[in-house]
Amino acid sequence: MSESTIRRFIFEHLDIRGAVVHLGDSWQQMQVDRNYQPTVAQLLGELAAVTALIAGQLKQPGRLTLQLRGNGPIQSLIMDCNEQLQMRGMARSNPVVLPAPVPVLLGADQGGKLMMSLDMPNARQPYQSFVPLEGNSIGEIFEHYLEQSEQQPSRLFVTAGPNAAACLFLQKMPQADNHDPDGWNRISHMASTVKPAELLELDAEALLTRLFHEDTADHGVRVYDPLPVVYHCPEDWDKVRDMVISLGQADAESILEEHGEILIRDDICNREYRFTPDDVAELFAKATGQALH
């Protein structure tokens, strides 16, 4: 499996910054036992690359969650990632999803929304924003979102396949026109020639040289050390046990009587937690400080 990294870069004499995201092993692990249809997997992979890009800009501990929700054939794409670039995600869709324009797939004209939540440890509640889905691709949707939220012109090129997901991000900084009035237009135009295969297959240095060979030679581009991105969905039995206890013993025993077990499914990690009657009895005995006989 190929590595998953974010490589930030800056055109030092143009005041234009950017990043190249390449998700290999983390994206492959996220698809294990999911059986996503190709159309669904591609959009989820693209969202994964964008989520890593935005989470990579977190300056303090926190968890970023991005959701695309609507009433189309794909009901939701969900991805979250913390400041350590530990990420996970999932999609919900109809059993059969045929290729179609992204706004149709996501139900953009049927109340489709981009929801962003940022949960910081010291905040009383997460910061949340909801915006309409504007754009004909995942790249355009987030290009529009980033321009609105950061108030700087941005370009975003995103793609995904079965083995990798990737994106190229560019942003014009405030002093760019003072350095070179045509710099942003020139760099944007060159970036627009990028091919999906190049995003997926070339490393950051090779990609930047291929796209911007004149500017990298004339002005220099500083490429920063890679930041590793990992898929992170560990078991959390303590959290699930607390959920069972929060039901109360009477309700828990009622579920056992009806179903023979308590089954809790963690959709985003694609994992099930099962509790037998003996498990539940032991759990409540420990919670109340009683001994089992």
Protein backbone atom coordinates (compact mmCIF):
# COMPACT_ATOMS: atom_id res chain seq x y z
CA MET A 1 0.00 0.00 0.00
CA SER A 2 1.18 3.52 -0.76
CA GLU A 3 1.58 6.10 1.97
CA SER A 4 -0.95 8.77 2.89
CA THR A 5 0.48 12.27 3.24
CA ILE A 6 -0.13 15.99 3.00
CA ARG A 7 2.65 18.06 1.43
CA ARG A 8 2.26 21.79 1.83
CA PHE A 9 4.12 24.14 -0.50
CA ILE A 10 4.51 27.83 -1.24
CA PHE A 11 5.66 29.79 -4.28
CA GLU A 12 7.93 32.04 -2.25
CA HIS A 13 8.09 34.96 -4.69
CA LEU A 14 4.45 34.81 -5.77
CA ASP A 15 2.66 34.69 -2.38
CA ILE A 16 0.68 31.66 -3.49
CA ARG A 17 0.41 28.67 -1.20
CA GLY A 18 -0.95 25.18 -1.67
CA ALA A 19 -0.92 21.54 -0.73
CA VAL A 20 -0.87 18.11 -2.35
CA VAL A 21 -2.84 15.40 -0.56
CA HIS A 22 -2.31 11.76 -1.44
CA LEU A 23 -4.23 9.05 0.42
CA GLY A 24 -3.13 5.50 -0.28
CA ASP A 25 -3.23 3.01 2.60
CA SER A 26 -5.66 5.09 4.68
CA TRP A 27 -8.17 5.27 1.82
CA GLN A 28 -7.84 1.56 1.05
CA GLN A 29 -8.43 0.63 4.70
CA MET A 30 -11.53 2.81 4.80
CA GLN A 31 -13.11 0.72 2.03
CA VAL A 32 -12.51 -2.74 3.55
CA ASP A 33 -15.76 -4.77 3.72
CA ARG A 34 -17.84 -1.80 2.64
CA ASN A 35 -18.75 -2.91 -0.90
CA TYR A 36 -19.30 0.64 -2.06
CA GLN A 37 -20.37 1.01 -5.67
CA PRO A 38 -17.73 2.78 -7.79
CA THR A 39 -19.68 6.04 -8.05
CA VAL A 40 -20.17 6.19 -4.27
CA ALA A 41 -16.57 5.22 -3.53
CA GLN A 42 -15.19 7.90 -5.83
CA LEU A 43 -17.11 10.71 -4.16
CA LEU A 44 -16.27 9.44 -0.66
CA GLY A 45 -12.60 9.20 -1.60
CA GLU A 46 -12.65 12.75 -2.91
CA LEU A 47 -14.26 13.92 0.33
CA ALA A 48 -11.55 12.06 2.28
CA ALA A 49 -8.81 13.94 0.42
CA VAL A 50 -10.49 17.30 1.03
CA THR A 51 -11.09 16.50 4.71
CA ALA A 52 -7.41 15.69 5.20
CA LEU A 53 -6.51 18.97 3.48
CA ILE A 54 -8.71 21.08 5.77
CA ALA A 55 -7.88 19.13 8.95
CA GLY A 56 -4.21 19.60 8.14
CA GLN A 57 -4.70 23.32 8.82
CA LEU A 58 -5.95 22.82 12.40
CA LYS A 59 -3.69 24.76 14.73
CA GLN A 60 -4.85 23.13 17.99
CA PRO A 61 -6.46 19.87 19.14
CA GLY A 62 -9.88 19.32 17.61
CA ARG A 63 -12.00 17.09 15.41
CA LEU A 64 -13.26 18.24 12.03
CA THR A 65 -16.35 16.56 10.59
CA LEU A 66 -17.54 17.19 7.04
CA GLN A 67 -20.86 15.86 5.81
CA LEU A 68 -22.58 16.10 2.45
CA ARG A 69 -26.27 15.31 2.92
CA GLY A 70 -29.23 15.35 0.58
CA ASN A 71 -32.14 13.39 -0.83
CA GLY A 72 -30.38 12.04 -3.89
CA PRO A 73 -29.23 8.46 -4.61
CA ILE A 74 -26.34 9.14 -2.20
CA GLN A 75 -27.93 10.29 1.06
CA SER A 76 -24.75 11.11 2.95
CA LEU A 77 -20.98 11.23 2.75
CA ILE A 78 -19.37 11.64 6.16
CA MET A 79 -15.71 12.11 7.00
CA ASP A 80 -14.00 13.18 10.18
CA CYS A 81 -10.39 13.81 11.07
CA ASN A 82 -8.52 15.21 14.07
CA GLU A 83 -5.45 17.45 14.26
CA GLN A 84 -3.25 14.33 14.31
CA LEU A 85 -4.68 13.47 10.87
CA GLN A 86 -6.38 10.32 12.13
CA MET A 87 -9.41 9.94 9.92
CA ARG A 88 -12.45 7.76 9.29
CA GLY A 89 -15.55 8.00 7.13
CA MET A 90 -18.53 6.33 5.52
CA ALA A 91 -21.26 6.72 2.90
CA ARG A 92 -24.97 5.91 2.83
CA SER A 93 -26.65 5.40 -0.50
CA ASN A 94 -29.35 3.56 -2.42
CA PRO A 95 -28.60 -0.11 -3.18
CA VAL A 96 -27.94 0.84 -6.82
CA VAL A 97 -26.30 4.16 -7.72
CA LEU A 98 -25.77 4.81 -11.41
CA PRO A 99 -23.29 7.40 -12.69
CA ALA A 100 -24.85 10.87 -12.78
CA PRO A 101 -23.84 14.50 -12.24
CA VAL A 102 -22.69 15.14 -8.68
CA PRO A 103 -25.57 17.58 -7.87
CA VAL A 104 -28.05 14.87 -8.88
CA LEU A 105 -26.27 12.16 -6.88
CA LEU A 106 -26.26 14.33 -3.75
CA GLY A 107 -29.71 15.86 -4.18
CA ALA A 108 -28.33 19.39 -4.32
CA ASP A 109 -31.69 20.80 -5.50
CA GLN A 110 -33.60 18.82 -2.86
CA GLY A 111 -32.20 20.46 0.22
CA GLY A 112 -28.66 19.14 -0.14
CA LYS A 113 -26.25 20.68 2.37
CA LEU A 114 -22.58 20.79 3.21
CA MET A 115 -22.25 20.60 6.98
CA MET A 116 -19.01 21.36 8.77
CA SER A 117 -18.49 20.75 12.48
CA LEU A 118 -15.38 21.57 14.48
CA ASP A 119 -15.27 20.10 17.97
CA MET A 120 -12.59 21.66 20.19
CA PRO A 121 -11.81 20.21 23.65
CA ASN A 122 -12.29 23.50 25.48
CA ALA A 123 -15.40 24.63 23.62
CA ARG A 124 -18.81 24.25 25.21
CA GLN A 125 -20.26 22.99 21.96
CA PRO A 126 -18.93 22.32 18.45
CA TYR A 127 -18.78 25.14 15.93
CA GLN A 128 -21.10 24.23 13.06
CA SER A 129 -21.90 25.70 9.66
CA PHE A 130 -24.41 24.68 7.01
CA VAL A 131 -24.21 25.83 3.41
CA PRO A 132 -25.99 24.77 0.20
CA LEU A 133 -24.21 22.41 -2.16
CA GLU A 134 -22.90 24.74 -4.89
CA GLY A 135 -20.78 23.21 -7.64
CA ASN A 136 -20.77 20.38 -10.15
CA SER A 137 -18.08 18.30 -8.40
CA ILE A 138 -16.65 17.70 -4.94
CA GLY A 139 -13.75 19.98 -5.93
CA GLU A 140 -16.06 22.83 -6.96
CA ILE A 141 -18.24 22.45 -3.85
CA PHE A 142 -15.26 22.86 -1.54
CA GLU A 143 -13.53 25.43 -3.73
CA HIS A 144 -16.60 27.59 -3.26
CA TYR A 145 -16.74 26.82 0.47
CA LEU A 146 -13.07 27.64 1.04
CA GLU A 147 -13.31 30.91 -0.88
CA GLN A 148 -16.30 31.94 1.24
CA SER A 149 -14.81 30.86 4.57
CA GLU A 150 -11.24 32.09 4.04
CA GLN A 151 -11.99 35.10 1.82
CA GLN A 152 -9.14 34.24 -0.57
CA PRO A 153 -9.36 32.96 -4.16
CA SER A 154 -8.77 29.19 -4.15
CA ARG A 155 -8.51 26.33 -6.62
CA LEU A 156 -9.09 22.68 -5.77
CA PHE A 157 -8.60 19.66 -8.03
CA VAL A 158 -9.75 16.33 -6.58
CA THR A 159 -9.97 12.73 -7.76
CA ALA A 160 -10.19 9.22 -6.35
CA GLY A 161 -9.90 5.63 -7.50
CA PRO A 162 -9.95 2.23 -5.78
CA ASN A 163 -6.34 2.51 -4.56
CA ALA A 164 -5.84 6.21 -3.92
CA ALA A 165 -7.53 9.56 -3.43
CA ALA A 166 -5.77 12.86 -4.04
CA CYS A 167 -6.17 16.58 -4.34
CA LEU A 168 -4.19 19.66 -5.35
CA PHE A 169 -5.02 22.90 -3.55
CA LEU A 170 -3.93 26.44 -4.40
CA GLN A 171 -4.72 29.68 -2.60
CA LYS A 172 -3.91 33.26 -3.53
CA MET A 173 -2.50 35.17 -0.57
CA PRO A 174 -3.11 38.92 0.05
CA GLN A 175 0.19 40.18 -1.43
CA ALA A 176 0.17 38.01 -4.56
CA ASP A 177 -0.74 40.78 -7.02
CA ASN A 178 2.04 42.98 -5.64
CA HIS A 179 4.59 40.28 -6.42
CA ASP A 180 3.27 39.40 -9.88
CA PRO A 181 -0.06 40.77 -11.21
CA ASP A 182 -0.42 37.78 -13.53
CA GLY A 183 0.97 35.17 -11.14
CA TRP A 184 -2.32 33.84 -9.82
CA ASN A 185 -3.93 33.58 -13.26
CA ARG A 186 -0.86 31.84 -14.66
CA ILE A 187 -0.56 29.33 -11.80
CA SER A 188 -4.31 28.64 -11.84
CA HIS A 189 -4.26 27.98 -15.56
CA MET A 190 -1.33 25.60 -15.29
CA ALA A 191 -2.99 23.75 -12.42
CA SER A 192 -6.16 23.30 -14.47
CA THR A 193 -4.22 21.10 -16.90
CA VAL A 194 -3.67 18.44 -14.24
CA LYS A 195 -4.94 14.98 -15.18
CA PRO A 196 -6.59 12.62 -12.65
CA ALA A 197 -3.90 10.00 -13.26
CA GLU A 198 -1.18 12.54 -12.43
CA LEU A 199 -2.86 13.44 -9.15
CA LEU A 200 -3.10 9.77 -8.21
CA GLU A 201 0.31 8.58 -9.38
CA LEU A 202 2.87 11.40 -9.05
CA ASP A 203 4.49 12.42 -5.78
CA ALA A 204 4.26 16.07 -4.76
CA GLU A 205 7.62 17.18 -6.16
CA ALA A 206 7.04 15.45 -9.48
CA LEU A 207 3.52 16.84 -9.75
CA LEU A 208 4.61 20.42 -9.04
CA THR A 209 7.50 20.18 -11.49
CA ARG A 210 5.19 18.76 -14.17
CA LEU A 211 2.58 21.50 -13.74
CA PHE A 212 4.67 24.55 -12.85
CA HIS A 213 8.13 23.82 -14.28
CA GLU A 214 8.81 27.43 -15.33
CA ASP A 215 7.71 28.96 -12.03
CA THR A 216 9.44 26.35 -9.91
CA ALA A 217 12.66 27.07 -11.82
CA ASP A 218 12.34 30.87 -11.92
CA HIS A 219 10.81 31.63 -8.54
CA GLY A 220 11.38 28.53 -6.49
CA VAL A 221 8.77 26.53 -4.68
CA ARG A 222 9.32 25.44 -1.09
CA VAL A 223 7.83 22.02 -0.38
CA TYR A 224 7.44 21.21 3.30
CA ASP A 225 7.97 17.86 4.98
CA PRO A 226 5.13 15.35 4.60
CA LEU A 227 2.46 15.08 7.26
CA PRO A 228 1.27 11.45 7.62
CA VAL A 229 -2.44 10.68 7.43
CA VAL A 230 -3.79 7.45 8.96
CA TYR A 231 -7.08 5.59 9.07
CA HIS A 232 -8.09 5.40 12.72
CA CYS A 233 -11.11 3.42 13.91
CA PRO A 234 -10.12 1.53 17.07
CA GLU A 235 -12.56 -0.50 19.12
CA ASP A 236 -14.07 1.46 22.01
CA TRP A 237 -15.71 -1.03 24.36
CA ASP A 238 -15.76 1.43 27.27
CA LYS A 239 -17.88 3.88 25.31
CA VAL A 240 -20.28 1.13 24.19
CA ARG A 241 -20.61 -0.29 27.70
CA ASP A 242 -21.51 3.19 28.92
CA MET A 243 -24.19 3.34 26.22
CA VAL A 244 -25.71 0.07 27.47
CA ILE A 245 -25.66 1.27 31.08
CA SER A 246 -27.29 4.54 30.01
CA LEU A 247 -30.28 2.52 28.74
CA GLY A 248 -31.05 1.50 32.29
CA GLN A 249 -31.30 -2.09 33.47
CA ALA A 250 -35.03 -2.44 32.82
CA ASP A 251 -34.79 -1.30 29.19
CA ALA A 252 -31.66 -3.36 28.61
CA GLU A 253 -33.40 -6.50 29.90
CA SER A 254 -36.44 -5.70 27.76
CA ILE A 255 -34.22 -5.63 24.63
CA LEU A 256 -32.63 -8.92 25.68
CA GLU A 257 -36.04 -10.51 26.12
CA GLU A 258 -37.11 -9.42 22.66
CA HIS A 259 -33.89 -10.03 20.70
CA GLY A 260 -31.81 -12.38 22.86
CA GLU A 261 -28.89 -9.95 22.77
CA ILE A 262 -28.05 -6.26 22.61
CA LEU A 263 -26.44 -5.33 19.31
CA ILE A 264 -24.85 -1.91 18.88
CA ARG A 265 -23.55 -1.05 15.43
CA ASP A 266 -20.83 1.53 14.84
CA ASP A 267 -21.55 2.49 11.25
CA ILE A 268 -18.64 4.85 10.68
CA CYS A 269 -16.14 2.17 11.77
CA ASN A 270 -18.15 -0.71 10.27
CA ARG A 271 -18.09 -2.66 13.52
CA GLU A 272 -20.66 -4.45 15.72
CA TYR A 273 -20.68 -4.81 19.50
CA ARG A 274 -22.75 -7.69 20.92
CA PHE A 275 -23.84 -8.24 24.53
CA THR A 276 -25.32 -11.54 25.75
CA PRO A 277 -27.64 -11.72 28.78
CA ASP A 278 -24.64 -12.75 30.92
CA ASP A 279 -22.63 -9.78 29.60
CA VAL A 280 -25.44 -7.39 30.50
CA ALA A 281 -25.96 -8.91 33.95
CA GLU A 282 -22.25 -8.56 34.70
CA LEU A 283 -22.20 -5.00 33.37
CA PHE A 284 -25.01 -3.79 35.62
CA ALA A 285 -23.67 -5.74 38.59
CA LYS A 286 -20.35 -3.91 38.27
CA ALA A 287 -22.15 -0.59 37.74
CA THR A 288 -24.16 -1.00 40.94
CA GLY A 289 -21.37 -2.60 42.94
CA GLN A 290 -23.23 -5.87 43.34
CA ALA A 291 -21.70 -9.32 43.14
CA LEU A 292 -22.97 -11.94 40.72
CA HIS A 293 -24.02 -15.25 42.24
